[in-house]
Amino acid sequence: MSDLLDQVEKALDTIRPYLEADGGNVSIEEITPENVVKLKLLGSCGSCPMSIMTLKAGIEQAIKKAVPEVTGVEAINLTDIDDPNAVLPENLR
């Protein structure tokens, strides 16, 4: 199991620079017995309504490409795109 965790961390390391460029990051909360990776979005990623796109298009693809055993990727704290408290990256600058 820790081997899987290491592989997922390595996959995340490949996209972290892009997340950090927008003031965000991501941490692994758990990997379920079904190999679903549960992530926590940090910094601006946690409050950005585009985070669902970031998660699906960027993070999930990077993980699944690097670690085919992973069956899914979920964020435990996604901000809905219609959330009035959502913060777009351009508003943080």
Protein backbone atom coordinates (compact mmCIF):
# COMPACT_ATOMS: atom_id res chain seq x y z
CA MET A 1 0.00 0.00 0.00
CA SER A 2 2.78 2.46 0.81
CA ASP A 3 4.27 1.61 -2.58
CA LEU A 4 1.07 2.85 -4.20
CA LEU A 5 1.22 5.97 -2.04
CA ASP A 6 4.78 6.64 -3.18
CA GLN A 7 3.79 6.24 -6.82
CA VAL A 8 0.86 8.64 -6.42
CA GLU A 9 3.10 11.17 -4.64
CA LYS A 10 5.58 10.99 -7.52
CA ALA A 11 2.76 11.57 -10.01
CA LEU A 12 1.58 14.57 -7.98
CA ASP A 13 5.12 15.94 -7.90
CA THR A 14 5.00 16.22 -11.70
CA ILE A 15 2.07 18.65 -11.56
CA ARG A 16 2.72 20.43 -8.26
CA PRO A 17 4.73 23.23 -9.92
CA TYR A 18 1.61 24.17 -11.93
CA LEU A 19 -0.59 24.16 -8.83
CA GLU A 20 1.96 26.16 -6.85
CA ALA A 21 2.18 28.73 -9.65
CA ASP A 22 -1.45 29.58 -8.88
CA GLY A 23 -0.89 29.55 -5.12
CA GLY A 24 -2.27 26.08 -4.55
CA ASN A 25 -1.20 22.54 -3.81
CA VAL A 26 -2.64 19.14 -3.05
CA SER A 27 -2.16 16.50 -0.38
CA ILE A 28 -3.15 12.84 -0.28
CA GLU A 29 -5.69 12.18 2.46
CA GLU A 30 -6.11 8.45 1.87
CA ILE A 31 -6.08 5.70 -0.69
CA THR A 32 -9.12 3.48 -0.22
CA PRO A 33 -9.04 -0.33 -0.48
CA GLU A 34 -10.63 0.15 -3.94
CA ASN A 35 -7.59 2.26 -4.95
CA VAL A 36 -9.51 5.53 -5.00
CA VAL A 37 -7.16 8.39 -4.17
CA LYS A 38 -8.73 10.99 -1.89
CA LEU A 39 -7.02 14.35 -2.08
CA LYS A 40 -7.28 17.61 -0.23
CA LEU A 41 -6.89 20.73 -2.31
CA LEU A 42 -4.73 23.30 -0.55
CA GLY A 43 -4.25 27.04 -0.84
CA SER A 44 -6.05 28.69 -3.72
CA CYS A 45 -6.94 25.29 -5.20
CA GLY A 46 -9.25 24.65 -2.26
CA SER A 47 -11.37 27.72 -2.95
CA CYS A 48 -11.14 27.90 -6.74
CA PRO A 49 -14.27 26.94 -8.69
CA MET A 50 -12.00 25.74 -11.50
CA SER A 51 -10.53 23.15 -9.13
CA ILE A 52 -12.90 20.48 -10.47
CA MET A 53 -11.32 21.03 -13.90
CA THR A 54 -7.84 21.01 -12.40
CA LEU A 55 -8.69 17.81 -10.56
CA LYS A 56 -10.19 15.97 -13.53
CA ALA A 57 -8.02 17.24 -16.37
CA GLY A 58 -4.71 17.60 -14.57
CA ILE A 59 -4.40 15.73 -11.32
CA GLU A 60 -6.51 12.67 -12.12
CA GLN A 61 -4.90 12.15 -15.54
CA ALA A 62 -1.39 12.51 -14.14
CA ILE A 63 -2.10 9.97 -11.38
CA LYS A 64 -3.90 7.44 -13.60
CA LYS A 65 -1.22 7.65 -16.27
CA ALA A 66 1.56 7.07 -13.74
CA VAL A 67 -0.34 4.61 -11.53
CA PRO A 68 -2.80 2.53 -13.59
CA GLU A 69 -3.99 0.66 -10.47
CA VAL A 70 -5.75 3.82 -9.29
CA THR A 71 -9.47 3.50 -10.04
CA GLY A 72 -10.50 7.05 -9.22
CA VAL A 73 -9.42 10.39 -7.84
CA GLU A 74 -11.63 12.49 -5.57
CA ALA A 75 -11.14 15.72 -3.71
CA ILE A 76 -12.64 15.88 -0.23
CA ASN A 77 -13.06 19.65 -0.39
CA LEU A 78 -14.05 20.69 -3.90
CA THR A 79 -15.55 24.14 -4.30
CA ASP A 80 -18.62 24.20 -6.51
CA ILE A 81 -18.30 26.40 -9.58
CA ASP A 82 -21.43 28.31 -8.48
CA ASP A 83 -20.24 28.80 -4.90
CA PRO A 84 -20.43 32.54 -4.07
CA ASN A 85 -17.37 32.13 -1.82
CA ALA A 86 -15.31 30.64 -4.61
CA VAL A 87 -12.09 32.47 -5.41
CA LEU A 88 -10.77 32.53 -8.94
CA PRO A 89 -6.97 32.47 -9.29
CA GLU A 90 -6.97 35.85 -11.07
CA ASN A 91 -8.65 37.41 -8.03
CA LEU A 92 -5.75 36.36 -5.82
CA ARG A 93 -3.17 38.34 -7.74
